Every structure is written in structure tokens, then in C-alpha cells.
């Protein structure tokens, strides 16, 4: 699939780290470093905008290395970029650690996955068909 992209960051285009990676890395586009304190969040620009085909979305997800090593995640993970959005992609990072974390220009801060989606036609009914699980919610299927 071809994806139109505008890059005003001066950083490389988002890319896949390996041949079979599902997500492409997004980089911070900063004129100066941004420090996020413990339990703080920051909106980090990427300097890129994309044009998705109708029926597709882009999901912005945390990078596992930043999460595991530094407690850096995304507040609204996964963030959704709709196909009609043409603005700059920004990533809402949160620092869940007890230490400050500084983001530098060009640093890989998130990953973006392109996904096809379906739209549903809702049909209001008085009740739903039964199932084996029924209305059992959180924790109802056990841990083993």
C-alpha cells in the first residue's frame, strides 16, 4: 500500500525496524529537548502528516523498550488517526516512572500501525442472544 506523507521534521521518514515489524517508528521533532517529570505528560510533535485511504486508520502505540526501560508510555494508547485527519501527528507521552526522562530531537518515541477497519450498522434490539459466557466481565474466566 502506498501512503502519502509530508515530513517537515528534518528527521528520517517513519520506518520499519525489521522486515516483519508491524509498526513503523515515529520520531520526535523538537527544536530543543523536552523533559517529562514523574507522572507528567507531554504532547510531542513528530513533524509528519499522512493521508490514509478511506477504510484505514493509523494506530499510535508505545514503544516497548521505552516502556520497559524508562516507564514511558502513551496516555491514550493506542491513539487513533482517522483517514480524514491531515494535521501533524503528535504523541501524548506519559512518564510512569519515578525519574525524569528527556526526549531529544529525532528520538524514536512511538510506533504507528496501519490497519484496515470495518464500520458497523447498529441494530437496536430488546435483548441479545445468549452465550456460554453471558454477562461475565472482568476476571470472570479465571486466571488459569
N, C-alpha and C. Protein backbone atom coordinates (compact mmCIF):
# COMPACT_ATOMS: atom_id res chain seq x y z
N UNK A 1 0.84 -1.18 0.00
CA UNK A 1 0.00 0.00 0.00
C UNK A 1 0.88 1.23 0.00
N UNK A 2 0.52 2.22 -0.78
CA UNK A 2 1.23 3.50 -0.83
C UNK A 2 0.58 4.44 0.18
N UNK A 3 1.41 5.19 0.89
CA UNK A 3 0.91 6.13 1.88
C UNK A 3 1.58 7.48 1.64
N UNK A 4 0.77 8.50 1.36
CA UNK A 4 1.30 9.84 1.17
C UNK A 4 1.70 10.41 2.52
N UNK A 5 2.88 11.07 2.57
CA UNK A 5 3.38 11.62 3.83
C UNK A 5 4.09 12.94 3.57
N UNK A 6 3.86 13.89 4.45
CA UNK A 6 4.58 15.17 4.45
C UNK A 6 5.50 15.14 5.67
N UNK A 7 6.78 15.45 5.46
CA UNK A 7 7.76 15.41 6.54
C UNK A 7 8.47 16.75 6.61
N UNK A 8 8.16 17.53 7.65
CA UNK A 8 8.83 18.83 7.85
C UNK A 8 9.80 18.77 9.03
N UNK A 9 10.08 17.57 9.53
CA UNK A 9 10.87 17.40 10.75
C UNK A 9 12.38 17.50 10.53
N UNK A 10 12.83 17.18 9.33
CA UNK A 10 14.26 17.07 9.12
C UNK A 10 14.81 15.72 9.56
N UNK A 11 13.96 14.87 10.13
CA UNK A 11 14.33 13.51 10.55
C UNK A 11 13.96 12.53 9.45
N UNK A 12 14.51 11.31 9.50
CA UNK A 12 14.12 10.30 8.51
C UNK A 12 12.62 10.01 8.59
N UNK A 13 12.05 9.54 7.48
CA UNK A 13 10.65 9.11 7.47
C UNK A 13 10.47 7.97 8.47
N UNK A 14 9.23 7.79 8.99
CA UNK A 14 8.99 6.62 9.82
C UNK A 14 9.38 5.36 9.05
N UNK A 15 9.89 4.38 9.77
CA UNK A 15 10.32 3.16 9.10
C UNK A 15 10.14 1.95 9.97
N UNK A 16 10.16 0.80 9.31
CA UNK A 16 10.04 -0.48 10.00
C UNK A 16 11.44 -0.94 10.40
N UNK A 17 11.62 -1.33 11.67
CA UNK A 17 12.93 -1.74 12.17
C UNK A 17 13.39 -3.06 11.55
N UNK A 18 12.44 -3.96 11.27
CA UNK A 18 12.78 -5.24 10.65
C UNK A 18 11.79 -5.52 9.53
N UNK A 19 12.08 -6.52 8.73
CA UNK A 19 11.23 -6.88 7.59
C UNK A 19 9.81 -7.25 8.03
N UNK A 20 9.67 -7.84 9.21
CA UNK A 20 8.35 -8.30 9.66
C UNK A 20 7.75 -7.43 10.77
N UNK A 21 8.30 -6.26 11.02
CA UNK A 21 7.73 -5.35 12.01
C UNK A 21 6.34 -4.89 11.57
N UNK A 22 5.40 -4.86 12.50
CA UNK A 22 4.05 -4.37 12.20
C UNK A 22 3.98 -2.86 12.30
N UNK A 23 4.78 -2.28 13.19
CA UNK A 23 4.74 -0.84 13.42
C UNK A 23 5.98 -0.15 12.90
N UNK A 24 5.77 1.07 12.40
CA UNK A 24 6.92 1.89 11.98
C UNK A 24 7.19 2.91 13.08
N UNK A 25 8.47 3.16 13.33
CA UNK A 25 8.87 4.05 14.40
C UNK A 25 8.60 5.51 14.05
N UNK A 26 8.02 6.23 15.00
CA UNK A 26 7.81 7.67 14.89
C UNK A 26 8.87 8.38 15.71
N UNK A 27 9.38 9.49 15.20
CA UNK A 27 10.45 10.24 15.87
C UNK A 27 9.95 11.59 16.36
N UNK A 28 10.55 12.06 17.45
CA UNK A 28 10.25 13.38 17.98
C UNK A 28 10.84 14.45 17.07
N UNK A 29 10.06 15.50 16.82
CA UNK A 29 10.53 16.64 16.04
C UNK A 29 10.56 17.85 16.98
N UNK A 30 11.74 18.12 17.53
CA UNK A 30 11.88 19.12 18.58
C UNK A 30 12.97 20.13 18.25
N UNK A 31 12.73 21.38 18.58
CA UNK A 31 13.76 22.41 18.44
C UNK A 31 14.69 22.40 19.65
N UNK A 32 14.20 21.87 20.76
CA UNK A 32 15.02 21.68 21.96
C UNK A 32 14.48 20.48 22.72
N UNK A 33 15.32 19.84 23.56
CA UNK A 33 14.86 18.66 24.30
C UNK A 33 13.65 18.96 25.18
N UNK A 34 12.84 17.95 25.42
CA UNK A 34 11.67 18.04 26.30
C UNK A 34 11.87 17.06 27.44
N UNK A 35 11.76 17.55 28.68
CA UNK A 35 11.88 16.69 29.85
C UNK A 35 10.50 16.48 30.45
N UNK A 36 10.18 15.20 30.69
CA UNK A 36 8.91 14.83 31.31
C UNK A 36 9.21 14.33 32.71
N UNK A 37 8.65 14.99 33.71
CA UNK A 37 8.84 14.57 35.09
C UNK A 37 7.99 13.36 35.42
N UNK A 38 8.24 12.76 36.59
CA UNK A 38 7.43 11.62 37.03
C UNK A 38 5.95 11.96 37.05
N UNK A 39 5.14 11.10 36.49
CA UNK A 39 3.69 11.22 36.43
C UNK A 39 3.23 12.45 35.64
N UNK A 40 4.10 13.01 34.81
CA UNK A 40 3.73 14.11 33.93
C UNK A 40 3.55 13.58 32.51
N UNK A 41 2.92 14.41 31.68
CA UNK A 41 2.72 14.04 30.28
C UNK A 41 3.13 15.21 29.40
N UNK A 42 3.42 14.89 28.16
CA UNK A 42 3.82 15.92 27.20
C UNK A 42 3.34 15.53 25.81
N UNK A 43 2.85 16.53 25.07
CA UNK A 43 2.44 16.34 23.68
C UNK A 43 3.69 16.57 22.82
N UNK A 44 4.16 15.51 22.18
CA UNK A 44 5.42 15.58 21.43
C UNK A 44 5.12 15.54 19.93
N UNK A 45 5.52 16.59 19.21
CA UNK A 45 5.29 16.63 17.76
C UNK A 45 6.23 15.68 17.02
N UNK A 46 5.77 15.22 15.86
CA UNK A 46 6.60 14.35 15.02
C UNK A 46 7.05 15.04 13.73
N UNK A 47 6.38 16.12 13.36
CA UNK A 47 6.72 16.82 12.12
C UNK A 47 6.22 16.12 10.87
N UNK A 48 5.34 15.13 11.03
CA UNK A 48 4.82 14.43 9.86
C UNK A 48 3.29 14.48 9.84
N UNK A 49 2.75 14.44 8.64
CA UNK A 49 1.32 14.33 8.39
C UNK A 49 1.15 13.26 7.33
N UNK A 50 0.04 12.51 7.41
CA UNK A 50 -0.19 11.43 6.45
C UNK A 50 -1.57 11.54 5.83
N UNK A 51 -1.74 10.90 4.68
CA UNK A 51 -3.03 10.80 4.00
C UNK A 51 -3.36 9.32 3.86
N UNK A 52 -4.26 8.86 4.71
CA UNK A 52 -4.67 7.46 4.70
C UNK A 52 -5.82 7.25 3.73
N UNK A 53 -5.86 6.10 3.06
CA UNK A 53 -7.02 5.78 2.23
C UNK A 53 -8.26 5.56 3.10
N UNK A 54 -9.43 5.80 2.54
CA UNK A 54 -10.68 5.54 3.23
C UNK A 54 -10.72 4.07 3.65
N UNK A 55 -11.19 3.80 4.85
CA UNK A 55 -11.26 2.43 5.34
C UNK A 55 -10.03 2.00 6.12
N UNK A 56 -9.08 2.93 6.32
CA UNK A 56 -7.86 2.63 7.07
C UNK A 56 -7.71 3.63 8.20
N UNK A 57 -7.01 3.23 9.23
CA UNK A 57 -6.64 4.09 10.35
C UNK A 57 -5.17 3.84 10.64
N UNK A 58 -4.57 4.76 11.38
CA UNK A 58 -3.23 4.54 11.91
C UNK A 58 -3.35 4.53 13.43
N UNK A 59 -2.78 3.51 14.05
CA UNK A 59 -2.78 3.42 15.50
C UNK A 59 -1.39 3.80 15.99
N UNK A 60 -1.33 4.73 16.96
CA UNK A 60 -0.06 5.13 17.56
C UNK A 60 0.06 4.42 18.89
N UNK A 61 1.13 3.64 19.02
CA UNK A 61 1.31 2.77 20.18
C UNK A 61 2.64 3.05 20.87
N UNK A 62 2.74 2.67 22.15
CA UNK A 62 4.02 2.85 22.86
C UNK A 62 5.11 1.97 22.26
N UNK A 63 6.35 2.38 22.44
CA UNK A 63 7.49 1.53 22.10
C UNK A 63 7.81 0.70 23.33
N UNK A 64 7.94 -0.59 23.18
CA UNK A 64 8.13 -1.47 24.33
C UNK A 64 9.42 -1.18 25.08
N UNK A 65 10.49 -0.80 24.37
CA UNK A 65 11.76 -0.50 25.03
C UNK A 65 11.66 0.71 25.94
N UNK A 66 10.98 1.77 25.49
CA UNK A 66 10.81 2.95 26.34
C UNK A 66 9.95 2.62 27.55
N UNK A 67 8.94 1.81 27.36
CA UNK A 67 8.06 1.43 28.47
C UNK A 67 8.81 0.58 29.50
N UNK A 68 9.54 -0.43 29.03
CA UNK A 68 10.22 -1.34 29.94
C UNK A 68 11.40 -0.70 30.65
N UNK A 69 12.19 0.09 29.92
CA UNK A 69 13.41 0.67 30.49
C UNK A 69 13.18 1.97 31.25
N UNK A 70 12.18 2.77 30.82
CA UNK A 70 12.03 4.11 31.38
C UNK A 70 10.62 4.45 31.87
N UNK A 71 9.66 3.55 31.71
CA UNK A 71 8.29 3.82 32.15
C UNK A 71 7.57 4.84 31.28
N UNK A 72 8.01 5.01 30.03
CA UNK A 72 7.39 5.98 29.13
C UNK A 72 6.34 5.26 28.28
N UNK A 73 5.11 5.77 28.33
CA UNK A 73 4.02 5.16 27.57
C UNK A 73 3.22 6.27 26.89
N UNK A 74 2.07 5.87 26.34
CA UNK A 74 1.18 6.82 25.68
C UNK A 74 -0.12 6.86 26.46
N UNK A 75 -0.56 8.07 26.80
CA UNK A 75 -1.75 8.23 27.64
C UNK A 75 -2.97 7.58 26.99
N UNK A 76 -3.20 7.82 25.72
CA UNK A 76 -4.40 7.32 25.03
C UNK A 76 -4.07 6.14 24.12
N UNK A 77 -3.25 5.23 24.61
CA UNK A 77 -2.80 4.12 23.77
C UNK A 77 -3.91 3.11 23.52
N UNK A 78 -4.10 2.66 22.29
CA UNK A 78 -3.48 3.27 21.12
C UNK A 78 -4.25 4.51 20.68
N UNK A 79 -3.52 5.51 20.27
CA UNK A 79 -4.13 6.69 19.68
C UNK A 79 -4.56 6.37 18.26
N UNK A 80 -5.68 6.90 17.84
CA UNK A 80 -6.21 6.62 16.51
C UNK A 80 -6.10 7.85 15.62
N UNK A 81 -5.55 7.65 14.43
CA UNK A 81 -5.51 8.69 13.41
C UNK A 81 -6.50 8.27 12.33
N UNK A 82 -7.55 9.05 12.16
CA UNK A 82 -8.59 8.75 11.18
C UNK A 82 -8.11 9.12 9.78
N UNK A 83 -8.74 8.49 8.78
CA UNK A 83 -8.31 8.71 7.39
C UNK A 83 -8.59 10.12 6.89
N UNK A 84 -9.46 10.87 7.55
CA UNK A 84 -9.72 12.23 7.10
C UNK A 84 -8.90 13.28 7.85
N UNK A 85 -8.02 12.87 8.78
CA UNK A 85 -7.16 13.80 9.50
C UNK A 85 -5.92 14.09 8.67
N UNK A 86 -5.60 15.36 8.51
CA UNK A 86 -4.45 15.76 7.70
C UNK A 86 -3.43 16.58 8.49
N UNK A 87 -3.65 16.74 9.79
CA UNK A 87 -2.74 17.54 10.61
C UNK A 87 -1.50 16.76 11.02
N UNK A 88 -0.63 17.46 11.72
CA UNK A 88 0.60 16.84 12.22
C UNK A 88 0.28 15.77 13.25
N UNK A 89 0.97 14.66 13.18
CA UNK A 89 0.83 13.61 14.18
C UNK A 89 1.62 14.03 15.40
N UNK A 90 0.94 14.02 16.55
CA UNK A 90 1.58 14.32 17.83
C UNK A 90 1.33 13.13 18.75
N UNK A 91 2.27 12.89 19.64
CA UNK A 91 2.19 11.73 20.53
C UNK A 91 2.09 12.23 21.97
N UNK A 92 1.05 11.79 22.68
CA UNK A 92 0.84 12.20 24.06
C UNK A 92 1.53 11.19 24.99
N UNK A 93 2.79 11.51 25.32
CA UNK A 93 3.58 10.62 26.17
C UNK A 93 3.32 10.88 27.65
N UNK A 94 3.47 9.84 28.46
CA UNK A 94 3.35 9.95 29.91
C UNK A 94 4.54 9.23 30.54
N UNK A 95 5.07 9.82 31.61
CA UNK A 95 6.19 9.23 32.34
C UNK A 95 5.64 8.56 33.59
N UNK A 96 5.60 7.25 33.59
CA UNK A 96 5.07 6.48 34.72
C UNK A 96 6.14 6.07 35.71
N UNK A 97 7.37 6.56 35.51
CA UNK A 97 8.48 6.20 36.40
C UNK A 97 8.64 7.23 37.51
N UNK A 98 9.65 7.04 38.34
CA UNK A 98 9.95 7.97 39.43
C UNK A 98 11.10 8.90 39.06
N UNK A 99 11.58 8.81 37.81
CA UNK A 99 12.71 9.61 37.34
C UNK A 99 12.28 10.50 36.18
N UNK A 100 12.93 11.64 36.03
CA UNK A 100 12.69 12.49 34.86
C UNK A 100 13.20 11.76 33.62
N UNK A 101 12.58 12.06 32.49
CA UNK A 101 13.02 11.49 31.22
C UNK A 101 13.08 12.60 30.18
N UNK A 102 14.20 12.69 29.48
CA UNK A 102 14.38 13.73 28.48
C UNK A 102 14.33 13.14 27.09
N UNK A 103 13.53 13.77 26.23
CA UNK A 103 13.37 13.35 24.83
C UNK A 103 14.16 14.32 23.96
N UNK A 104 14.97 13.77 23.08
CA UNK A 104 15.79 14.55 22.16
C UNK A 104 15.17 14.54 20.76
N UNK A 105 15.48 15.56 19.97
CA UNK A 105 15.04 15.59 18.58
C UNK A 105 15.51 14.32 17.86
N UNK A 106 14.63 13.72 17.09
CA UNK A 106 14.97 12.53 16.31
C UNK A 106 14.84 11.22 17.06
N UNK A 107 14.59 11.28 18.36
CA UNK A 107 14.45 10.06 19.16
C UNK A 107 13.16 9.33 18.78
N UNK A 108 13.25 8.01 18.69
CA UNK A 108 12.07 7.21 18.39
C UNK A 108 11.20 7.15 19.64
N UNK A 109 9.95 7.65 19.53
CA UNK A 109 9.10 7.80 20.71
C UNK A 109 7.85 6.94 20.70
N UNK A 110 7.48 6.42 19.54
CA UNK A 110 6.25 5.63 19.43
C UNK A 110 6.32 4.80 18.16
N UNK A 111 5.33 3.95 17.97
CA UNK A 111 5.23 3.22 16.71
C UNK A 111 3.83 3.39 16.15
N UNK A 112 3.76 3.34 14.84
CA UNK A 112 2.49 3.54 14.15
C UNK A 112 2.17 2.31 13.32
N UNK A 113 0.96 1.79 13.51
CA UNK A 113 0.49 0.61 12.79
C UNK A 113 -0.69 1.03 11.91
N UNK A 114 -0.64 0.70 10.63
CA UNK A 114 -1.72 1.00 9.70
C UNK A 114 -2.67 -0.21 9.67
N UNK A 115 -3.95 0.06 9.89
CA UNK A 115 -4.93 -1.03 9.97
C UNK A 115 -6.17 -0.71 9.15
N UNK A 116 -6.70 -1.75 8.52
CA UNK A 116 -7.99 -1.66 7.84
C UNK A 116 -9.08 -1.87 8.90
N UNK A 117 -10.20 -1.19 8.73
CA UNK A 117 -11.28 -1.37 9.69
C UNK A 117 -12.61 -1.50 8.98
N UNK A 118 -13.59 -2.01 9.71
CA UNK A 118 -14.96 -2.15 9.23
C UNK A 118 -15.84 -1.20 10.02
N UNK A 119 -16.88 -0.70 9.39
CA UNK A 119 -17.89 0.09 10.08
C UNK A 119 -19.10 -0.80 10.31
N UNK A 120 -19.77 -0.58 11.45
CA UNK A 120 -20.93 -1.39 11.81
C UNK A 120 -22.22 -0.60 11.60
N UNK A 121 -23.24 -1.30 11.15
CA UNK A 121 -24.59 -0.75 11.13
C UNK A 121 -25.27 -1.27 12.40
N UNK A 122 -25.64 -0.36 13.29
CA UNK A 122 -26.22 -0.76 14.57
C UNK A 122 -27.70 -1.10 14.40
N UNK A 123 -28.09 -2.19 15.02
CA UNK A 123 -29.49 -2.62 15.01
C UNK A 123 -29.94 -2.72 16.46
N UNK A 124 -30.81 -1.82 16.87
CA UNK A 124 -31.29 -1.83 18.25
C UNK A 124 -32.30 -2.97 18.41
N UNK A 125 -32.08 -3.80 19.45
CA UNK A 125 -32.95 -4.93 19.75
C UNK A 125 -33.30 -4.91 21.24
N UNK A 126 -34.37 -5.58 21.65
CA UNK A 126 -34.75 -5.57 23.07
C UNK A 126 -33.81 -6.40 23.94
N UNK A 127 -33.18 -7.43 23.34
CA UNK A 127 -32.23 -8.25 24.11
C UNK A 127 -31.29 -8.95 23.14
N UNK A 128 -30.17 -9.42 23.70
CA UNK A 128 -29.15 -10.10 22.90
C UNK A 128 -29.30 -11.60 23.01
N UNK A 129 -28.83 -12.35 22.00
CA UNK A 129 -28.81 -13.80 22.07
C UNK A 129 -27.90 -14.22 23.22
N UNK A 130 -28.19 -15.34 23.83
CA UNK A 130 -27.38 -15.86 24.93
C UNK A 130 -26.05 -16.43 24.45
N UNK A 131 -25.13 -16.59 25.38
CA UNK A 131 -23.84 -17.23 25.09
C UNK A 131 -23.36 -17.97 26.32
N UNK A 132 -22.34 -18.80 26.17
CA UNK A 132 -21.81 -19.56 27.30
C UNK A 132 -21.30 -18.62 28.39
N UNK A 133 -20.67 -17.53 28.01
CA UNK A 133 -20.10 -16.59 28.99
C UNK A 133 -21.16 -15.69 29.60
N UNK A 134 -22.18 -15.35 28.84
CA UNK A 134 -23.22 -14.45 29.35
C UNK A 134 -22.68 -13.07 29.63
N UNK A 135 -23.02 -12.51 30.79
CA UNK A 135 -22.58 -11.16 31.12
C UNK A 135 -21.37 -11.15 32.06
N UNK A 136 -20.66 -12.28 32.15
CA UNK A 136 -19.46 -12.36 32.99
C UNK A 136 -18.39 -11.42 32.45
N UNK A 137 -17.95 -10.49 33.26
CA UNK A 137 -16.99 -9.47 32.82
C UNK A 137 -15.59 -9.70 33.37
N UNK A 138 -15.00 -8.63 33.84
CA UNK A 138 -13.62 -8.63 34.30
C UNK A 138 -13.35 -9.76 35.28
N UNK A 139 -12.40 -10.63 34.94
CA UNK A 139 -11.99 -11.71 35.82
C UNK A 139 -12.91 -12.91 35.85
N UNK A 140 -13.98 -12.89 35.07
CA UNK A 140 -14.98 -13.97 35.18
C UNK A 140 -14.49 -15.29 34.60
N UNK A 141 -13.45 -15.29 33.79
CA UNK A 141 -12.97 -16.57 33.21
C UNK A 141 -11.80 -17.13 33.99
N UNK A 142 -11.41 -16.51 35.10
CA UNK A 142 -10.34 -17.02 35.94
C UNK A 142 -8.97 -16.64 35.44
N UNK A 143 -7.93 -17.21 36.11
CA UNK A 143 -6.54 -16.89 35.75
C UNK A 143 -5.79 -18.07 35.20
N UNK A 144 -6.34 -19.27 35.26
CA UNK A 144 -5.62 -20.47 34.76
C UNK A 144 -6.43 -21.21 33.76
